[in-house]
């Protein structure tokens, strides 16, 4: 008898859901009756479309029950991008990949530097993540903020399937790549729109990276590790720090007297070609190495500035250093009618630079970035390690097979 009654109630609920667009007043009148049943069955009350289109790809939605939206129609607080608040720190800790989401990079290392302003700062990357989550939840017009509804949505993330979290992460990274805002987040909370790591960063500067017992550290000789971290992070779309690159260099016995040989970059690219392929579908091809007399600076400017290639330049004593050094060429632009490469120097100390008539500072606030003319770079160049693939290419695909209900419990 009980089963028969329940079946009749279930049929009524499903019929009302199907007729809702045609008879909203009737649906509203029955809401008090159907809410507990639907909640118990974990069926979404706001059906709408179970899929949505984004950049030509069909994705499955996260369906939110009507009572959730009604519950959070108003909020007692609202924290916006660009603001600092302890609640931002709480959210970042909850989303931090290393601790809570090892399979997803929702909040990365540089967004979570302990004791730094970035820790409580509502940065652009967090805003982009929230906008992505809203899109999946059928709230594409909602502006990124931390309010009670957003906090509830974030609390439901652990209950989503791994495939749904993957789709959220992939779209989030796609948006960062498309808008040119991907990369690391500075201690201030601002972004440089590129993945930048310094060998002088106190997070790892003091770690031993010696050759034949000379006691050297990453700060002393880690320019190659830092440059590899910038390149790998850019192509694989995750933060891979110089510490990780140091580990690979040591385990394969790559260190030499001046740091690392050019072949290190070939070796690590081949070894980790598919590092994030399962997650994003990305690959990193091994670079080509060109000696100075094989380099055409005009062609290189086009490759770095227009084709999206990245290059690591190996320089000798000159405008940037008193010994051998690696830096990343990550852009090319014209300033006052003159062409300049954007150089990411992993050793942050511009006071050591010479030939300032060939250099220009940037307005990013990052002293590790400098503009340099093709002429001075060619003069000091020993070789170029060129990654001949577009750093802005990022495939977008859906992994889920169906929509998922918003719930804090998957049991």
Protein backbone atom coordinates (compact mmCIF):
# COMPACT_ATOMS: atom_id res chain seq x y z
CA UNK A 1 0.00 0.00 0.00
CA UNK A 2 2.78 2.44 0.95
CA UNK A 3 4.63 1.67 -2.30
CA UNK A 4 1.50 2.35 -4.35
CA UNK A 5 0.97 5.71 -2.67
CA UNK A 6 4.59 6.67 -3.23
CA UNK A 7 4.37 5.71 -6.92
CA UNK A 8 1.27 7.88 -7.34
CA UNK A 9 3.03 10.78 -5.60
CA UNK A 10 6.10 10.31 -7.80
CA UNK A 11 3.96 10.31 -10.95
CA UNK A 12 2.29 13.53 -9.81
CA UNK A 13 5.65 15.17 -9.15
CA UNK A 14 7.04 14.26 -12.55
CA UNK A 15 3.88 15.42 -14.29
CA UNK A 16 4.02 18.75 -12.52
CA UNK A 17 7.67 19.20 -13.50
CA UNK A 18 6.83 18.49 -17.14
CA UNK A 19 3.90 20.91 -17.12
CA UNK A 20 5.66 23.65 -15.17
CA UNK A 21 6.31 25.94 -18.19
CA UNK A 22 2.61 25.73 -19.13
CA UNK A 23 1.00 25.99 -15.74
CA UNK A 24 3.34 27.93 -13.47
CA UNK A 25 0.53 29.04 -11.10
CA UNK A 26 -0.51 25.44 -10.49
CA UNK A 27 3.13 24.46 -9.94
CA UNK A 28 3.54 27.27 -7.42
CA UNK A 29 0.46 26.15 -5.55
CA UNK A 30 1.82 22.61 -5.28
CA UNK A 31 5.36 23.70 -4.32
CA UNK A 32 4.95 23.22 -0.58
CA UNK A 33 3.75 19.69 -1.30
CA UNK A 34 6.40 18.68 -3.81
CA UNK A 35 9.48 20.28 -2.23
CA UNK A 36 10.08 17.64 0.46
CA UNK A 37 9.52 14.79 -1.99
CA UNK A 38 11.87 16.20 -4.62
CA UNK A 39 14.48 17.02 -2.02
CA UNK A 40 14.28 13.50 -0.64
CA UNK A 41 14.59 12.03 -4.14
CA UNK A 42 17.49 14.41 -4.88
CA UNK A 43 15.79 15.54 -8.10
CA UNK A 44 16.42 19.14 -9.25
CA UNK A 45 13.36 21.37 -9.19
CA UNK A 46 14.78 23.81 -11.73
CA UNK A 47 15.08 21.56 -14.75
CA UNK A 48 15.49 24.01 -17.63
CA UNK A 49 18.05 22.76 -20.12
CA UNK A 50 20.34 20.00 -18.93
CA UNK A 51 23.10 21.11 -21.32
CA UNK A 52 24.63 24.34 -22.55
CA UNK A 53 26.86 25.36 -25.45
CA UNK A 54 30.21 27.03 -24.95
CA UNK A 55 32.76 27.78 -27.66
CA UNK A 56 31.13 25.17 -29.91
CA UNK A 57 31.23 22.40 -27.28
CA UNK A 58 28.16 20.95 -25.53
CA UNK A 59 28.54 20.67 -21.77
CA UNK A 60 26.32 19.10 -19.14
CA UNK A 61 24.91 21.39 -16.49
CA UNK A 62 24.82 21.26 -12.73
CA UNK A 63 21.12 21.62 -11.93
CA UNK A 64 20.18 23.74 -8.93
CA UNK A 65 16.96 23.11 -6.97
CA UNK A 66 14.57 26.05 -6.92
CA UNK A 67 14.58 26.18 -3.14
CA UNK A 68 18.36 26.80 -3.16
CA UNK A 69 18.00 29.87 -5.36
CA UNK A 70 15.11 31.14 -3.24
CA UNK A 71 17.04 30.58 -0.03
CA UNK A 72 19.92 32.74 -1.23
CA UNK A 73 17.99 35.47 -3.06
CA UNK A 74 19.54 37.95 -0.63
CA UNK A 75 22.92 37.79 1.08
CA UNK A 76 24.22 39.37 4.26
CA UNK A 77 27.62 40.00 2.66
CA UNK A 78 29.27 40.29 -0.74
CA UNK A 79 33.03 40.34 -1.37
CA UNK A 80 34.10 41.45 -4.84
CA UNK A 81 37.22 40.91 -6.98
CA UNK A 82 40.02 43.27 -6.01
CA UNK A 83 39.05 43.29 -2.34
CA UNK A 84 40.90 41.66 0.54
CA UNK A 85 39.10 39.72 3.24
CA UNK A 86 39.84 36.81 5.55
CA UNK A 87 36.94 34.93 3.98
CA UNK A 88 38.85 34.96 0.68
CA UNK A 89 41.68 33.17 2.46
CA UNK A 90 39.21 30.59 3.78
CA UNK A 91 37.84 29.96 0.29
CA UNK A 92 41.32 29.64 -1.22
CA UNK A 93 42.35 27.15 1.45
CA UNK A 94 39.24 25.08 0.75
CA UNK A 95 39.96 25.09 -3.00
CA UNK A 96 43.74 24.71 -2.76
CA UNK A 97 44.78 21.95 -5.12
CA UNK A 98 47.68 20.52 -3.12
CA UNK A 99 45.53 19.92 -0.04
CA UNK A 100 41.98 19.24 -1.17
CA UNK A 101 41.82 18.85 -4.95
CA UNK A 102 44.94 16.98 -6.10
CA UNK A 103 43.29 16.18 -9.44
CA UNK A 104 42.21 19.77 -10.14
CA UNK A 105 44.00 23.10 -10.05
CA UNK A 106 41.21 25.35 -8.80
CA UNK A 107 43.52 27.44 -6.62
CA UNK A 108 47.24 27.24 -7.33
CA UNK A 109 50.35 27.70 -5.22
CA UNK A 110 50.98 31.34 -6.12
CA UNK A 111 47.43 32.28 -5.06
CA UNK A 112 48.12 30.87 -1.61
CA UNK A 113 51.49 32.26 -0.51
CA UNK A 114 51.23 32.16 3.28
CA UNK A 115 51.68 35.47 5.02
CA UNK A 116 51.55 37.46 1.77
CA UNK A 117 48.84 39.94 0.64
CA UNK A 118 47.75 37.53 -2.12
CA UNK A 119 46.47 35.09 0.49
CA UNK A 120 43.44 37.25 1.33
CA UNK A 121 43.18 39.03 -2.03
CA UNK A 122 40.26 38.26 -4.36
CA UNK A 123 42.40 37.80 -7.47
CA UNK A 124 41.40 37.57 -11.13
CA UNK A 125 41.93 33.81 -11.29
CA UNK A 126 39.52 33.15 -8.42
CA UNK A 127 36.99 35.43 -10.13
CA UNK A 128 37.34 33.49 -13.40
CA UNK A 129 36.83 30.18 -11.57
CA UNK A 130 33.64 31.44 -9.93
CA UNK A 131 32.29 32.70 -13.26
CA UNK A 132 32.92 29.23 -14.71
CA UNK A 133 31.06 27.55 -11.87
CA UNK A 134 28.13 29.96 -12.33
CA UNK A 135 28.03 29.06 -16.03
CA UNK A 136 27.73 25.35 -15.21
CA UNK A 137 25.01 26.11 -12.67
CA UNK A 138 22.89 28.03 -15.17
CA UNK A 139 23.79 31.44 -13.73
CA UNK A 140 25.86 32.94 -16.58
CA UNK A 141 24.83 36.52 -15.77
CA UNK A 142 25.96 36.38 -12.15
CA UNK A 143 28.96 38.57 -11.38
CA UNK A 144 31.86 36.90 -9.57
CA UNK A 145 31.60 37.54 -5.85
CA UNK A 146 31.73 35.74 -2.54
CA UNK A 147 28.20 35.76 -1.19
CA UNK A 148 26.10 33.14 0.56
CA UNK A 149 24.97 31.47 -2.68
CA UNK A 150 28.55 31.23 -3.95
CA UNK A 151 29.74 29.78 -0.66
CA UNK A 152 26.99 27.17 -0.88
CA UNK A 153 27.93 26.27 -4.46
CA UNK A 154 31.56 25.86 -3.45
CA UNK A 155 30.56 23.64 -0.52
CA UNK A 156 28.91 21.30 -3.03
CA UNK A 157 32.00 20.89 -5.22
CA UNK A 158 33.31 17.80 -3.38
CA UNK A 159 30.05 15.96 -4.10
CA UNK A 160 30.35 16.44 -7.86
CA UNK A 161 31.82 13.66 -9.95
CA UNK A 162 35.46 13.80 -10.95
CA UNK A 163 34.40 14.24 -14.57
CA UNK A 164 32.26 17.28 -13.74
CA UNK A 165 35.08 18.85 -11.75
CA UNK A 166 37.34 18.18 -14.73
CA UNK A 167 34.96 20.00 -17.07
CA UNK A 168 34.83 22.99 -14.72
CA UNK A 169 38.61 23.09 -14.44
CA UNK A 170 39.19 22.70 -18.18
CA UNK A 171 36.76 25.48 -19.07
CA UNK A 172 38.30 27.71 -16.39
CA UNK A 173 41.79 27.18 -17.81
CA UNK A 174 40.47 27.64 -21.35
CA UNK A 175 38.99 31.00 -20.39
CA UNK A 176 42.24 32.12 -18.77
CA UNK A 177 44.15 31.12 -21.88
CA UNK A 178 41.70 32.75 -24.28
CA UNK A 179 41.65 36.03 -22.33
CA UNK A 180 45.44 36.04 -21.87
CA UNK A 181 45.15 36.14 -18.09
CA UNK A 182 46.66 32.72 -17.38
CA UNK A 183 49.82 32.34 -15.36
CA UNK A 184 51.09 32.90 -11.87
CA UNK A 185 49.72 35.38 -9.34
CA UNK A 186 52.20 37.77 -7.73
CA UNK A 187 52.50 38.22 -3.99
CA UNK A 188 50.46 41.41 -4.29
CA UNK A 189 47.60 39.50 -5.93
CA UNK A 190 48.15 41.00 -9.38
CA UNK A 191 48.83 38.91 -12.48
CA UNK A 192 51.53 39.28 -15.14
CA UNK A 193 49.46 37.33 -17.69
CA UNK A 194 52.23 34.74 -17.95
CA UNK A 195 53.74 31.96 -15.90
CA UNK A 196 56.72 33.53 -14.16
CA UNK A 197 59.04 31.90 -11.63
CA UNK A 198 62.22 33.38 -10.19
CA UNK A 199 65.26 31.45 -9.03
CA UNK A 200 65.58 34.16 -6.36
CA UNK A 201 62.10 33.42 -4.94
CA UNK A 202 62.51 32.79 -1.18
CA UNK A 203 60.18 29.81 -1.52
CA UNK A 204 63.04 27.74 -2.97
CA UNK A 205 66.06 30.04 -3.48
CA UNK A 206 68.02 28.38 -0.68
CA UNK A 207 67.57 24.78 -1.84
CA UNK A 208 70.82 23.03 -2.72
CA UNK A 209 71.58 22.76 -6.43
CA UNK A 210 75.29 22.11 -6.43
CA UNK A 211 77.92 20.83 -8.84
CA UNK A 212 80.81 18.74 -7.57
CA UNK A 213 80.13 19.75 -3.98
CA UNK A 214 80.31 23.52 -4.51
CA UNK A 215 77.35 24.13 -2.17
CA UNK A 216 75.44 26.18 -4.75
CA UNK A 217 71.71 26.80 -4.43
CA UNK A 218 68.83 27.37 -6.83
CA UNK A 219 69.40 31.09 -6.39
CA UNK A 220 73.03 30.67 -7.47
CA UNK A 221 72.60 28.31 -10.42
CA UNK A 222 68.89 27.66 -10.89
CA UNK A 223 68.14 29.87 -13.90
CA UNK A 224 67.63 26.80 -16.10
CA UNK A 225 65.22 25.23 -13.62
CA UNK A 226 63.24 28.47 -13.36
CA UNK A 227 63.07 28.88 -17.15
CA UNK A 228 61.96 25.29 -17.58
CA UNK A 229 59.27 25.91 -14.94
CA UNK A 230 57.97 28.90 -16.90
CA UNK A 231 57.86 26.97 -20.18
CA UNK A 232 56.34 23.79 -18.75
CA UNK A 233 53.70 25.69 -16.81
CA UNK A 234 52.73 27.66 -19.90
CA UNK A 235 52.29 24.67 -22.19
CA UNK A 236 50.78 22.32 -19.61
CA UNK A 237 48.58 25.07 -18.03
CA UNK A 238 49.46 24.24 -14.43
CA UNK A 239 51.96 25.73 -12.01
CA UNK A 240 55.15 23.67 -12.07
CA UNK A 241 57.74 25.28 -9.82
CA UNK A 242 61.55 25.40 -10.13
CA UNK A 243 61.69 23.02 -7.17
CA UNK A 244 60.06 20.33 -9.32
CA UNK A 245 62.43 21.05 -12.19
CA UNK A 246 65.40 20.83 -9.84
CA UNK A 247 64.31 17.34 -8.81
CA UNK A 248 64.30 16.15 -12.43
CA UNK A 249 67.67 17.76 -13.14
CA UNK A 250 69.28 16.04 -10.16
CA UNK A 251 67.77 12.60 -10.68
CA UNK A 252 69.05 12.54 -14.26
CA UNK A 253 72.42 14.08 -13.34
CA UNK A 254 72.13 17.11 -15.63
CA UNK A 255 73.98 19.83 -13.63
CA UNK A 256 77.18 21.19 -15.13
CA UNK A 257 79.59 23.92 -14.03
CA UNK A 258 77.40 26.82 -15.19
CA UNK A 259 74.06 25.25 -14.20
CA UNK A 260 72.35 23.11 -16.83
CA UNK A 261 73.22 22.22 -20.43
CA UNK A 262 70.85 22.98 -23.31
CA UNK A 263 70.12 19.26 -23.63
CA UNK A 264 68.34 19.35 -20.27
CA UNK A 265 65.41 21.16 -21.90
CA UNK A 266 65.18 18.55 -24.67
CA UNK A 267 65.35 15.70 -22.18
CA UNK A 268 62.72 16.97 -19.79
CA UNK A 269 60.32 17.89 -22.60
CA UNK A 270 60.53 14.40 -24.08
CA UNK A 271 60.21 12.74 -20.68
CA UNK A 272 57.14 14.76 -19.70
CA UNK A 273 55.57 15.29 -23.13
CA UNK A 274 52.22 13.95 -21.88
CA UNK A 275 52.43 15.33 -18.35
CA UNK A 276 48.90 16.81 -18.43
CA UNK A 277 47.50 15.02 -21.46
CA UNK A 278 44.94 13.03 -19.48
CA UNK A 279 43.73 16.17 -17.74
CA UNK A 280 43.66 18.68 -20.60
CA UNK A 281 44.71 16.93 -23.78
CA UNK A 282 47.88 19.05 -23.93
CA UNK A 283 51.32 17.94 -25.06
CA UNK A 284 54.75 19.57 -25.06
CA UNK A 285 57.02 18.80 -27.98
CA UNK A 286 60.79 18.77 -27.48
CA UNK A 287 62.43 22.06 -28.48
CA UNK A 288 64.87 22.68 -31.27
CA UNK A 289 68.24 24.12 -30.30
CA UNK A 290 69.86 26.71 -32.55
CA UNK A 291 73.37 28.08 -32.32
CA UNK A 292 73.81 31.84 -32.56
CA UNK A 293 74.79 31.83 -36.23
CA UNK A 294 71.64 29.84 -37.06
CA UNK A 295 69.25 32.39 -35.52
CA UNK A 296 67.34 34.98 -37.57
CA UNK A 297 66.09 37.58 -35.07
CA UNK A 298 63.34 38.83 -37.40
CA UNK A 299 61.99 35.30 -37.77
CA UNK A 300 62.30 34.74 -34.03
CA UNK A 301 60.34 37.94 -33.36
CA UNK A 302 57.50 36.65 -35.55
CA UNK A 303 57.57 33.22 -33.93
CA UNK A 304 57.46 34.58 -30.37
CA UNK A 305 55.28 37.60 -31.07
CA UNK A 306 52.73 36.18 -33.52
CA UNK A 307 52.87 32.37 -33.56
CA UNK A 308 52.84 31.93 -29.79
CA UNK A 309 56.19 30.12 -29.54
CA UNK A 310 58.33 30.34 -26.40
CA UNK A 311 62.11 30.54 -26.51
CA UNK A 312 64.78 30.15 -23.85
CA UNK A 313 67.81 32.26 -24.67
CA UNK A 314 71.23 31.18 -23.44
CA UNK A 315 73.36 34.30 -22.97
CA UNK A 316 76.97 34.97 -22.00
CA UNK A 317 78.47 37.92 -20.11
CA UNK A 318 76.91 41.15 -21.30
CA UNK A 319 73.86 43.32 -20.66
CA UNK A 320 72.19 40.86 -18.28
CA UNK A 321 74.82 38.85 -16.46
CA UNK A 322 78.51 38.48 -15.69
CA UNK A 323 78.44 34.77 -16.56
CA UNK A 324 76.23 32.29 -18.46
CA UNK A 325 72.52 32.65 -17.92
CA UNK A 326 69.12 31.45 -19.19
CA UNK A 327 66.08 33.70 -19.73
CA UNK A 328 62.70 33.23 -21.43
CA UNK A 329 61.58 35.22 -24.47
CA UNK A 330 57.82 35.41 -24.03
CA UNK A 331 56.65 38.28 -26.22
CA UNK A 332 57.54 40.82 -28.86
CA UNK A 333 56.16 44.33 -29.26
CA UNK A 334 56.88 47.73 -30.78
CA UNK A 335 57.46 50.68 -28.43
CA UNK A 336 57.85 54.15 -29.90
CA UNK A 337 58.46 52.57 -33.27
CA UNK A 338 61.20 50.21 -32.07
CA UNK A 339 60.90 46.45 -31.59
CA UNK A 340 61.53 44.79 -28.23
CA UNK A 341 61.39 41.24 -26.91
CA UNK A 342 59.69 40.78 -23.56
CA UNK A 343 62.26 38.91 -21.48
CA UNK A 344 61.42 36.94 -18.34
CA UNK A 345 64.65 36.96 -16.34
CA UNK A 346 64.53 34.45 -13.47
CA UNK A 347 67.20 36.37 -11.51
CA UNK A 348 65.43 39.42 -10.08
CA UNK A 349 68.06 42.14 -9.71
CA UNK A 350 67.85 44.82 -12.39
CA UNK A 351 70.68 46.80 -10.78
CA UNK A 352 73.12 44.34 -12.38
CA UNK A 353 71.97 45.23 -15.91
CA UNK A 354 74.10 47.22 -18.34
CA UNK A 355 73.41 48.76 -21.76
CA UNK A 356 70.23 50.48 -20.63
CA UNK A 357 69.98 52.21 -24.00
CA UNK A 358 68.93 48.75 -25.30
CA UNK A 359 66.56 47.92 -22.43
CA UNK A 360 63.23 49.22 -21.15
CA UNK A 361 61.40 48.48 -17.92
CA UNK A 362 57.80 47.26 -17.94
CA UNK A 363 54.83 48.58 -16.00
CA UNK A 364 53.86 45.19 -14.55
CA UNK A 365 55.49 45.77 -11.17
CA UNK A 366 57.55 42.63 -11.73
CA UNK A 367 61.28 43.40 -11.82
CA UNK A 368 61.88 40.01 -13.42
CA UNK A 369 60.40 41.29 -16.69
CA UNK A 370 62.39 43.56 -18.98
CA UNK A 371 62.15 44.69 -22.60
CA UNK A 372 65.31 44.16 -24.67
CA UNK A 373 66.17 44.95 -28.27
CA UNK A 374 66.88 42.12 -30.72
CA UNK A 375 70.34 43.64 -31.24
CA UNK A 376 71.50 43.33 -27.62
CA UNK A 377 70.01 39.87 -27.28
CA UNK A 378 71.78 38.65 -30.41
CA UNK A 379 75.04 40.21 -29.28
CA UNK A 380 75.00 38.32 -25.97
CA UNK A 381 73.44 35.12 -27.29
CA UNK A 382 75.09 31.73 -27.19
CA UNK A 383 72.08 29.74 -28.39
CA UNK A 384 68.28 29.59 -28.57
CA UNK A 385 66.12 26.74 -27.26
CA UNK A 386 62.90 27.17 -29.26
CA UNK A 387 59.58 25.50 -28.42
CA UNK A 388 57.88 25.59 -31.80
CA UNK A 389 54.24 25.31 -30.81
CA UNK A 390 51.54 27.81 -29.90
CA UNK A 391 51.49 28.43 -26.15
CA UNK A 392 47.89 29.68 -26.44
CA UNK A 393 46.51 26.47 -27.96
CA UNK A 394 44.23 24.69 -25.52
CA UNK A 395 41.69 21.98 -26.47
CA UNK A 396 38.23 22.18 -24.95
CA UNK A 397 36.10 19.05 -24.54
CA UNK A 398 33.38 17.67 -22.30
CA UNK A 399 34.06 14.58 -20.23
CA UNK A 400 30.72 14.14 -18.43
CA UNK A 401 27.93 12.03 -19.97
CA UNK A 402 24.92 13.64 -18.31
CA UNK A 403 23.79 16.49 -16.05
CA UNK A 404 24.36 16.31 -12.32
CA UNK A 405 22.21 17.59 -9.46
CA UNK A 406 23.59 20.09 -7.02
CA UNK A 407 23.93 18.28 -3.72
CA UNK A 408 26.29 18.26 -0.80
CA UNK A 409 26.02 14.47 -0.48
CA UNK A 410 26.54 11.87 -3.20
CA UNK A 411 25.59 8.93 -0.99
